[in-house]
Amino acid sequence: MSQNESGTVDIPMYDKDDAVLVLEDGQVYVGEPYGALGKTTGEIVFATGMTGYQETLTDPSYDRQIVVQTFPHIGDTGVNDEDPESSRIWVAGYVVRDPSPNVSNWRAEGSLDDDLKRNDIVSLSHIDTRKLVRHLRSAGVMRAGIFSGEALVDGGTGRLRDVASLLEDVKATPQMQGLSLYDEVSTKEMYTIEPCGEYEGKEPLYTVAAVDLGIKGMTPHRMAERGCRVHVVPSTTTFEQIEALNPDGVFFSNGPGDPEQAGPEIELLRKVLDAGYPFFGICFGNQLLGRALGFGTYKLKFGHRGINQPVKDVTTGKVEVTAHNHGFAVDAPIGKTVDAPFEDGKYGKVFVSHIDLNDDVVEGLQCVDIPAFSVQYHPEAAAGPHDAAYLFDRFCDLMKNNPRDARANVNNDSKEGK
């Protein structure tokens, strides 16, 4: 809704054949139905990638979010069974400007429109996504809803629902801040990814326990390419169950929701750090390491989502173009090494290792006195640039330099000294 020259409010006109996007602040966009018909609500966010829409849709970190693609033309290459990052589409809804009327790619096995329908993802097309994204950058991400088909009709009267009625549905949607979502996207059973590529069929160089908080399929694959056997375990896994796997290192994945609501995972991570396991975390895992060390986290105004974010690795001075999907960040001091705040520096020194060059958001943490580090972005790069793939090598080096035997000796000495 907007004001006209006379100062009165323009009420958008729509009918039951349209699709209507309603924002929490009352803005309304009328477009055409895309994907499934119906109603969906969630936090509306935007992703800036020109490619990789299939990987975006299947990223569990987008759970309960309506995703707007800033690139106008989406769907050219269709969909296939090789590119999904999980077993299903996780976005709550999808908004594009110009869906491709044709599929043109030798790998395509179907159209994006059909895939959205098959997964019951209510979507909308043919609106001014540039205007929408500019508004979200200015006002911040917020709750929203997409309504089409029968969702636009009042079941009692048979009449078209007005904007006020639709807005009530939007405002009844839970805020992302305060939500705990990692359990609903995590695997329910452990599964194992064996070494692949040049290491296929060989004994693993390292064994990794990867805690699935919304993991993307390419992540354990990147470790398997480096000779790792990766046990992907549910978010409900206990420390004793991790110990039973006898891992060389522990990994915490990306995932949705507010890190402040992840108390059990933070306690699990502290037990991992106390035991001396080499630790690597990405995205949500970075936020959990930050909180485990005693730092706070906060919600960004509109987040980082896309495959073109510039990040500087302060340990090397190298600038990487990286893939992101996060709405929260760690609040830690940049430019100096400090004592980790938890329990008066129990975990020793730590510094911010990576910084986003667009807005100086913390993009990585490096512990000095314990074998632990993390980054806020996605080094598995699906679909994105491969600049940050070295971080998996860094994790392997960390496991190599902190072997099981040495860790066991340290832990035994500690127990004997008590």
Protein backbone atom coordinates (compact mmCIF):
# COMPACT_ATOMS: atom_id res chain seq x y z
CA MET A 1 0.00 0.00 0.00
CA SER A 2 1.20 3.53 -0.73
CA GLN A 3 -0.07 7.09 -0.62
CA ASN A 4 -1.22 8.81 -3.81
CA GLU A 5 -0.87 12.51 -4.61
CA SER A 6 -4.03 13.39 -2.65
CA GLY A 7 -2.57 11.80 0.47
CA THR A 8 -5.04 8.94 0.65
CA VAL A 9 -3.97 5.32 0.77
CA ASP A 10 -4.10 3.25 -2.41
CA ILE A 11 -5.63 -0.16 -1.77
CA PRO A 12 -4.12 -2.67 -4.20
CA MET A 13 -6.67 -4.34 -6.43
CA TYR A 14 -6.49 -8.09 -6.78
CA ASP A 15 -8.75 -11.03 -7.51
CA LYS A 16 -8.74 -14.75 -6.77
CA ASP A 17 -6.55 -15.47 -9.78
CA ASP A 18 -3.71 -13.31 -8.43
CA ALA A 19 -1.03 -14.02 -5.85
CA VAL A 20 -0.63 -11.44 -3.10
CA LEU A 21 2.43 -10.74 -0.96
CA VAL A 22 1.69 -8.92 2.31
CA LEU A 23 4.50 -7.57 4.50
CA GLU A 24 4.26 -7.09 8.23
CA ASP A 25 4.46 -3.31 7.83
CA GLY A 26 1.43 -3.29 5.51
CA GLN A 27 3.13 -3.14 2.12
CA VAL A 28 1.32 -5.22 -0.51
CA TYR A 29 2.57 -6.60 -3.83
CA VAL A 30 0.20 -8.19 -6.33
CA GLY A 31 1.66 -10.70 -8.76
CA GLU A 32 0.97 -14.03 -10.39
CA PRO A 33 0.86 -17.44 -8.71
CA TYR A 34 3.99 -19.53 -9.11
CA GLY A 35 4.54 -23.02 -7.77
CA ALA A 36 1.78 -24.18 -5.44
CA LEU A 37 -1.40 -22.28 -4.59
CA GLY A 38 -2.36 -21.56 -1.00
CA LYS A 39 -1.01 -19.63 1.97
CA THR A 40 2.43 -19.44 3.50
CA THR A 41 3.97 -17.12 6.08
CA GLY A 42 7.48 -16.63 7.45
CA GLU A 43 10.35 -14.18 7.65
CA ILE A 44 10.94 -12.62 4.23
CA VAL A 45 14.62 -12.39 3.19
CA PHE A 46 16.50 -11.85 -0.06
CA ALA A 47 19.29 -13.82 -1.74
CA THR A 48 21.66 -12.15 -4.19
CA GLY A 49 22.98 -15.12 -6.16
CA MET A 50 22.58 -15.12 -9.94
CA THR A 51 22.82 -18.92 -9.99
CA GLY A 52 22.30 -21.80 -7.60
CA TYR A 53 18.58 -21.42 -6.94
CA GLN A 54 18.16 -25.16 -6.45
CA GLU A 55 20.83 -25.21 -3.75
CA THR A 56 19.19 -22.18 -2.13
CA LEU A 57 15.77 -23.81 -2.02
CA THR A 58 17.11 -27.00 -0.42
CA ASP A 59 19.32 -25.31 2.19
CA PRO A 60 17.82 -26.17 5.62
CA SER A 61 19.00 -22.81 6.96
CA TYR A 62 16.08 -21.24 5.04
CA ASP A 63 13.54 -23.10 7.19
CA ARG A 64 10.46 -20.88 7.78
CA GLN A 65 11.73 -18.12 5.50
CA ILE A 66 10.25 -16.68 2.31
CA VAL A 67 13.13 -16.13 -0.10
CA VAL A 68 13.20 -13.33 -2.66
CA GLN A 69 15.66 -13.72 -5.55
CA THR A 70 17.28 -10.41 -6.47
CA PHE A 71 18.33 -11.72 -9.88
CA PRO A 72 15.27 -11.23 -12.09
CA HIS A 73 15.36 -14.29 -14.35
CA ILE A 74 15.07 -17.58 -12.45
CA GLY A 75 14.48 -21.15 -13.63
CA ASP A 76 16.42 -21.25 -16.91
CA THR A 77 18.30 -24.44 -16.06
CA GLY A 78 15.35 -26.28 -14.52
CA VAL A 79 15.99 -28.77 -11.72
CA ASN A 80 17.82 -32.08 -11.40
CA ASP A 81 18.45 -34.76 -8.79
CA GLU A 82 22.15 -33.95 -8.34
CA ASP A 83 22.15 -30.36 -7.08
CA PRO A 84 19.85 -30.42 -4.01
CA GLU A 85 21.65 -29.84 -0.71
CA SER A 86 19.15 -31.89 1.31
CA SER A 87 16.24 -34.28 0.85
CA ARG A 88 13.59 -31.58 0.36
CA ILE A 89 12.88 -27.91 -0.30
CA TRP A 90 13.05 -26.00 2.99
CA VAL A 91 12.00 -22.45 2.09
CA ALA A 92 8.55 -21.44 3.34
CA GLY A 93 7.85 -19.50 0.14
CA TYR A 94 9.57 -18.19 -2.97
CA VAL A 95 9.41 -14.84 -4.81
CA VAL A 96 10.85 -14.22 -8.28
CA ARG A 97 10.39 -11.49 -10.83
CA ASP A 98 10.58 -13.36 -14.15
CA PRO A 99 10.34 -17.15 -14.02
CA SER A 100 11.75 -18.73 -17.16
CA PRO A 101 9.04 -20.07 -19.48
CA ASN A 102 11.49 -22.65 -20.83
CA VAL A 103 14.00 -25.11 -19.41
CA SER A 104 17.30 -25.21 -21.26
CA ASN A 105 20.06 -27.32 -19.76
CA TRP A 106 21.38 -30.77 -20.59
CA ARG A 107 21.23 -31.80 -16.92
CA ALA A 108 17.63 -30.69 -16.38
CA GLU A 109 15.08 -33.31 -15.35
CA GLY A 110 12.13 -30.97 -14.85
CA SER A 111 11.05 -27.37 -14.38
CA LEU A 112 11.39 -25.26 -11.26
CA ASP A 113 7.66 -24.44 -11.32
CA ASP A 114 6.75 -28.14 -11.28
CA ASP A 115 9.25 -28.84 -8.50
CA LEU A 116 7.74 -26.08 -6.34
CA LYS A 117 4.27 -27.51 -6.95
CA ARG A 118 5.41 -31.02 -6.16
CA ASN A 119 6.88 -29.82 -2.85
CA ASP A 120 3.82 -27.65 -2.06
CA ILE A 121 5.85 -24.43 -1.94
CA VAL A 122 3.55 -21.42 -2.31
CA SER A 123 5.33 -18.88 -4.51
CA LEU A 124 4.74 -15.64 -6.38
CA SER A 125 6.12 -14.05 -9.56
CA HIS A 126 5.93 -10.94 -11.72
CA ILE A 127 6.35 -8.29 -9.05
CA ASP A 128 8.97 -5.55 -8.78
CA THR A 129 11.55 -7.47 -6.74
CA ARG A 130 13.99 -4.56 -6.98
CA LYS A 131 11.50 -2.31 -5.18
CA LEU A 132 10.80 -5.03 -2.62
CA VAL A 133 14.48 -5.68 -1.86
CA ARG A 134 15.26 -1.96 -1.57
CA HIS A 135 12.46 -1.75 0.99
CA LEU A 136 13.78 -4.74 2.96
CA ARG A 137 17.29 -3.27 2.97
CA SER A 138 15.86 -0.02 4.36
CA ALA A 139 13.23 -1.35 6.77
CA GLY A 140 14.89 -4.67 7.60
CA VAL A 141 13.63 -8.21 7.12
CA MET A 142 10.23 -8.89 8.64
CA ARG A 143 7.33 -11.31 8.64
CA ALA A 144 5.32 -11.71 5.45
CA GLY A 145 2.80 -13.94 3.75
CA ILE A 146 1.98 -15.13 0.23
CA PHE A 147 -1.68 -15.80 -0.53
CA SER A 148 -3.18 -17.32 -3.68
CA GLY A 149 -6.07 -19.51 -4.78
CA GLU A 150 -8.51 -20.42 -2.00
CA ALA A 151 -6.32 -18.64 0.56
CA LEU A 152 -7.57 -15.34 -0.89
CA VAL A 153 -11.22 -16.28 -0.32
CA ASP A 154 -13.10 -16.09 2.98
CA GLY A 155 -14.39 -19.59 3.64
CA GLY A 156 -17.46 -18.31 5.45
CA THR A 157 -18.68 -15.68 3.02
CA GLY A 158 -17.08 -16.76 -0.23
CA ARG A 159 -15.85 -13.20 -0.70
CA LEU A 160 -12.32 -12.05 -1.44
CA ARG A 161 -10.37 -11.44 1.77
CA ASP A 162 -9.22 -7.87 2.37
CA VAL A 163 -5.67 -6.80 3.17
CA ALA A 164 -6.43 -6.37 6.87
CA SER A 165 -7.49 -10.02 7.07
CA LEU A 166 -4.33 -11.20 5.31
CA LEU A 167 -2.21 -9.00 7.54
CA GLU A 168 -3.65 -10.67 10.62
CA ASP A 169 -2.28 -14.01 9.37
CA VAL A 170 1.14 -12.44 8.84
CA LYS A 171 1.27 -10.93 12.32
CA ALA A 172 0.28 -14.26 13.86
CA THR A 173 3.53 -15.77 12.52
CA PRO A 174 6.32 -16.23 15.13
CA GLN A 175 9.28 -13.84 14.93
CA MET A 176 12.56 -15.45 13.85
CA GLN A 177 14.33 -13.93 16.83
CA GLY A 178 13.62 -16.30 19.70
CA LEU A 179 12.94 -19.38 17.55
CA SER A 180 14.73 -22.70 18.03
CA LEU A 181 14.61 -24.55 14.69
CA TYR A 182 17.67 -26.77 14.42
CA ASP A 183 15.93 -29.86 15.80
CA GLU A 184 13.25 -29.77 13.10
CA VAL A 185 15.77 -29.77 10.24
CA SER A 186 18.33 -32.19 11.71
CA THR A 187 18.64 -35.81 10.65
CA LYS A 188 16.86 -38.23 12.97
CA GLU A 189 19.39 -41.04 12.48
CA MET A 190 23.16 -41.07 12.15
CA TYR A 191 24.59 -41.74 8.69
CA THR A 192 28.16 -41.98 7.44
CA ILE A 193 29.93 -40.48 4.43
CA GLU A 194 33.03 -42.48 3.52
CA PRO A 195 36.21 -41.06 1.96
CA CYS A 196 35.81 -40.40 -1.77
CA GLY A 197 37.80 -39.26 -4.78
CA GLU A 198 41.43 -40.30 -4.49
CA TYR A 199 40.70 -41.73 -1.03
CA GLU A 200 37.78 -43.93 -2.08
CA GLY A 201 38.08 -47.49 -0.74
CA LYS A 202 41.00 -46.56 1.53
CA GLU A 203 41.19 -46.33 5.29
CA PRO A 204 40.17 -42.83 6.40
CA LEU A 205 42.86 -40.36 7.37
CA TYR A 206 40.55 -38.85 9.98
CA THR A 207 37.17 -39.55 11.55
CA VAL A 208 34.82 -36.59 12.04
CA ALA A 209 31.67 -36.37 14.14
CA ALA A 210 29.51 -33.79 12.34
CA VAL A 211 26.57 -32.50 14.36
CA ASP A 212 23.71 -31.83 11.95
CA LEU A 213 21.97 -28.57 12.83
CA GLY A 214 20.77 -28.15 9.23
CA ILE A 215 23.77 -29.48 7.32
CA LYS A 216 24.10 -29.13 3.55
CA GLY A 217 25.01 -32.28 1.64
CA MET A 218 28.16 -30.82 0.12
CA THR A 219 29.73 -30.18 3.54
CA PRO A 220 30.54 -33.78 4.56
CA HIS A 221 31.42 -34.44 0.92
CA ARG A 222 34.16 -31.78 1.08
CA MET A 223 35.62 -33.52 4.11
CA ALA A 224 35.31 -36.95 2.46
CA GLU A 225 37.29 -35.59 -0.51
CA ARG A 226 40.14 -35.01 1.94
CA GLY A 227 40.14 -38.56 3.26
CA CYS A 228 37.73 -38.12 6.16
CA ARG A 229 35.09 -40.57 7.31
CA VAL A 230 32.22 -38.33 8.42
CA HIS A 231 29.59 -39.53 10.87
CA VAL A 232 26.68 -37.10 10.53
CA VAL A 233 24.80 -37.23 13.84
CA PRO A 234 21.45 -35.76 14.98
CA SER A 235 21.25 -32.55 16.97
CA THR A 236 20.06 -34.62 19.93
CA THR A 237 23.36 -36.54 20.11
CA THR A 238 25.00 -36.58 23.54
CA PHE A 239 28.66 -36.00 24.29
CA GLU A 240 28.99 -39.64 25.34
CA GLN A 241 27.68 -40.72 21.94
CA ILE A 242 30.23 -38.48 20.24
CA GLU A 243 33.00 -39.95 22.40
CA ALA A 244 31.90 -43.45 21.42
CA LEU A 245 32.65 -42.63 17.78
CA ASN A 246 36.28 -41.94 18.77
CA PRO A 247 36.52 -38.99 16.37
CA ASP A 248 39.66 -37.08 15.44
CA GLY A 249 37.59 -33.90 15.25
CA VAL A 250 34.10 -32.51 15.78
CA PHE A 251 32.16 -30.32 13.37
CA PHE A 252 29.04 -28.19 13.96
CA SER A 253 27.05 -27.32 10.83
CA ASN A 254 24.97 -24.44 9.58
CA GLY A 255 21.31 -24.26 10.58
CA PRO A 256 18.25 -22.03 11.05
CA GLY A 257 16.93 -20.06 14.00
CA ASP A 258 18.24 -17.94 16.83
CA PRO A 259 21.56 -19.12 18.34
CA GLU A 260 20.50 -17.69 21.68
CA GLN A 261 17.90 -20.47 21.84
CA ALA A 262 20.48 -23.26 21.35
CA GLY A 263 21.44 -23.84 24.99
CA PRO A 264 21.79 -27.65 24.77
CA GLU A 265 24.07 -27.40 21.72
CA ILE A 266 26.23 -24.77 23.42
CA GLU A 267 26.65 -27.04 26.44
CA LEU A 268 27.53 -29.94 24.12
CA LEU A 269 30.12 -27.78 22.37
CA ARG A 270 31.71 -26.77 25.68
CA LYS A 271 32.13 -30.46 26.54
CA VAL A 272 33.79 -30.96 23.14
CA LEU A 273 36.18 -28.08 23.84
CA ASP A 274 36.86 -29.30 27.40
CA ALA A 275 37.84 -32.72 26.01
CA GLY A 276 40.33 -31.16 23.61
CA TYR A 277 38.74 -32.32 20.36
CA PRO A 278 39.73 -30.25 17.32
CA PHE A 279 36.63 -28.25 16.41
CA PHE A 280 35.40 -26.59 13.22
CA GLY A 281 32.06 -24.79 12.89
CA ILE A 282 30.36 -23.00 10.02
CA CYS A 283 27.47 -20.52 10.02
CA PHE A 284 25.24 -21.53 12.97
CA GLY A 285 28.24 -23.48 14.25
CA ASN A 286 30.25 -20.25 14.27
CA GLN A 287 27.56 -18.52 16.31
CA LEU A 288 27.50 -21.43 18.77
CA LEU A 289 31.28 -21.31 19.18
CA GLY A 290 30.98 -17.59 19.86
CA ARG A 291 28.37 -18.17 22.55
CA ALA A 292 30.29 -21.12 24.01
CA LEU A 293 33.31 -18.82 24.38
CA GLY A 294 31.15 -16.25 26.16
CA PHE A 295 30.43 -13.75 23.37
CA GLY A 296 26.94 -12.56 22.50
CA THR A 297 25.03 -12.83 19.23
CA TYR A 298 22.62 -10.39 17.61
CA LYS A 299 20.21 -10.21 14.69
CA LEU A 300 21.32 -8.39 11.55
CA LYS A 301 19.03 -5.87 9.91
CA PHE A 302 18.71 -7.83 6.67
CA GLY A 303 21.42 -10.48 6.90
CA HIS A 304 23.85 -11.88 4.35
CA ARG A 305 22.40 -14.26 1.77
CA GLY A 306 24.01 -14.96 -1.58
CA ILE A 307 27.20 -16.18 -3.21
CA ASN A 308 29.09 -12.92 -3.71
CA GLN A 309 30.07 -11.66 -0.25
CA PRO A 310 33.66 -10.35 0.12
CA VAL A 311 35.41 -11.60 3.26
CA LYS A 312 38.95 -10.93 4.45
CA ASP A 313 40.96 -13.64 6.21
CA VAL A 314 42.97 -11.49 8.62
CA THR A 315 45.49 -14.32 9.21
CA THR A 316 46.64 -14.19 5.58
CA GLY A 317 45.32 -10.85 4.27
CA LYS A 318 43.55 -12.75 1.51
CA VAL A 319 40.12 -11.57 0.32
CA GLU A 320 37.64 -14.28 -0.62
CA VAL A 321 34.34 -14.13 -2.47
CA THR A 322 32.11 -16.31 -0.35
CA ALA A 323 28.66 -17.90 -0.03
CA HIS A 324 26.48 -16.73 2.88
CA ASN A 325 23.13 -17.45 4.48
CA HIS A 326 22.80 -15.93 7.93
CA GLY A 327 20.61 -13.47 9.77
CA PHE A 328 22.51 -13.52 13.07
CA ALA A 329 26.14 -12.70 13.89
CA VAL A 330 28.67 -12.93 16.72
CA ASP A 331 29.40 -9.81 18.76
CA ALA A 332 33.17 -9.99 19.30
CA PRO A 333 35.90 -7.32 19.18
CA ILE A 334 37.64 -6.92 15.83
CA GLY A 335 41.35 -6.24 15.48
CA LYS A 336 42.69 -7.62 18.75
CA THR A 337 43.25 -10.88 20.57
CA VAL A 338 41.24 -11.13 23.79
CA ASP A 339 40.50 -13.58 26.58
CA ALA A 340 37.37 -15.60 25.79
CA PRO A 341 34.81 -14.18 28.27
CA PHE A 342 33.38 -17.50 29.48
CA GLU A 343 34.42 -18.33 33.06
CA ASP A 344 37.19 -15.73 33.21
CA GLY A 345 39.03 -16.92 30.15
CA LYS A 346 38.69 -20.68 30.65
CA TYR A 347 39.22 -21.24 26.90
CA GLY A 348 42.19 -18.90 26.60
CA LYS A 349 42.77 -16.33 23.89
CA VAL A 350 40.61 -15.82 20.79
CA PHE A 351 40.50 -13.36 17.90
CA VAL A 352 38.22 -12.51 14.99
CA SER A 353 39.81 -14.27 12.02
CA HIS A 354 37.49 -13.20 9.19
CA ILE A 355 35.61 -9.95 8.48
CA ASP A 356 32.92 -9.09 5.95
CA LEU A 357 34.23 -6.20 3.88
CA ASN A 358 30.73 -4.85 3.17
CA ASP A 359 29.78 -4.11 6.76
CA ASP A 360 32.55 -5.31 9.13
CA VAL A 361 30.43 -8.16 10.49
CA VAL A 362 32.40 -10.89 12.30
CA GLU A 363 32.81 -13.79 9.86
CA GLY A 364 35.15 -16.09 11.77
CA LEU A 365 36.72 -16.93 15.14
CA GLN A 366 40.11 -18.47 15.86
CA CYS A 367 41.04 -19.82 19.29
CA VAL A 368 44.71 -19.47 20.20
CA ASP A 369 45.08 -21.86 23.13
CA ILE A 370 42.67 -24.64 22.12
CA PRO A 371 42.23 -26.35 18.73
CA ALA A 372 39.03 -24.62 17.61
CA PHE A 373 37.98 -22.25 14.84
CA SER A 374 34.88 -21.34 12.87
CA VAL A 375 33.57 -19.21 10.03
CA GLN A 376 30.19 -17.59 9.50
CA TYR A 377 29.92 -18.42 5.81
CA HIS A 378 29.83 -21.58 3.67
CA PRO A 379 33.21 -22.93 2.51
CA GLU A 380 31.52 -25.96 0.92
CA ALA A 381 30.37 -23.47 -1.76
CA ALA A 382 27.28 -25.09 -3.19
CA ALA A 383 26.48 -23.24 -5.28
CA GLY A 384 29.13 -20.62 -4.95
CA PRO A 385 32.80 -19.70 -5.41
CA HIS A 386 35.47 -22.06 -4.12
CA ASP A 387 37.74 -19.41 -2.57
CA ALA A 388 37.18 -20.73 0.96
CA ALA A 389 37.70 -24.46 0.33
CA TYR A 390 41.08 -24.20 2.11
CA LEU A 391 39.21 -24.12 5.43
CA PHE A 392 38.58 -27.85 5.17
CA ASP A 393 42.32 -28.32 4.72
CA ARG A 394 42.82 -26.17 7.81
CA PHE A 395 40.49 -28.48 9.75
CA CYS A 396 42.44 -31.55 8.57
CA ASP A 397 45.69 -29.89 9.65
CA LEU A 398 44.14 -29.17 13.03
CA MET A 399 43.27 -32.87 13.45
CA LYS A 400 46.73 -33.90 12.25
CA ASN A 401 48.44 -31.61 14.76
CA ASN A 402 46.18 -32.68 17.64
CA PRO A 403 46.12 -36.49 17.37
CA ARG A 404 43.93 -38.76 19.50
CA ASP A 405 46.86 -40.24 21.44
CA ALA A 406 48.19 -36.86 22.54
CA ARG A 407 44.71 -35.74 23.51
CA ALA A 408 44.12 -38.91 25.52
CA ASN A 409 47.41 -38.43 27.38
CA VAL A 410 46.53 -34.84 28.23
CA ASN A 411 43.08 -35.86 29.47
CA ASN A 412 44.53 -38.72 31.56
CA ASP A 413 47.14 -36.45 33.12
CA SER A 414 44.39 -33.98 33.93
CA LYS A 415 42.30 -36.66 35.62
CA GLU A 416 45.26 -37.97 37.62
CA GLY A 417 46.09 -34.49 38.83
CA LYS A 418 42.64 -33.96 40.31
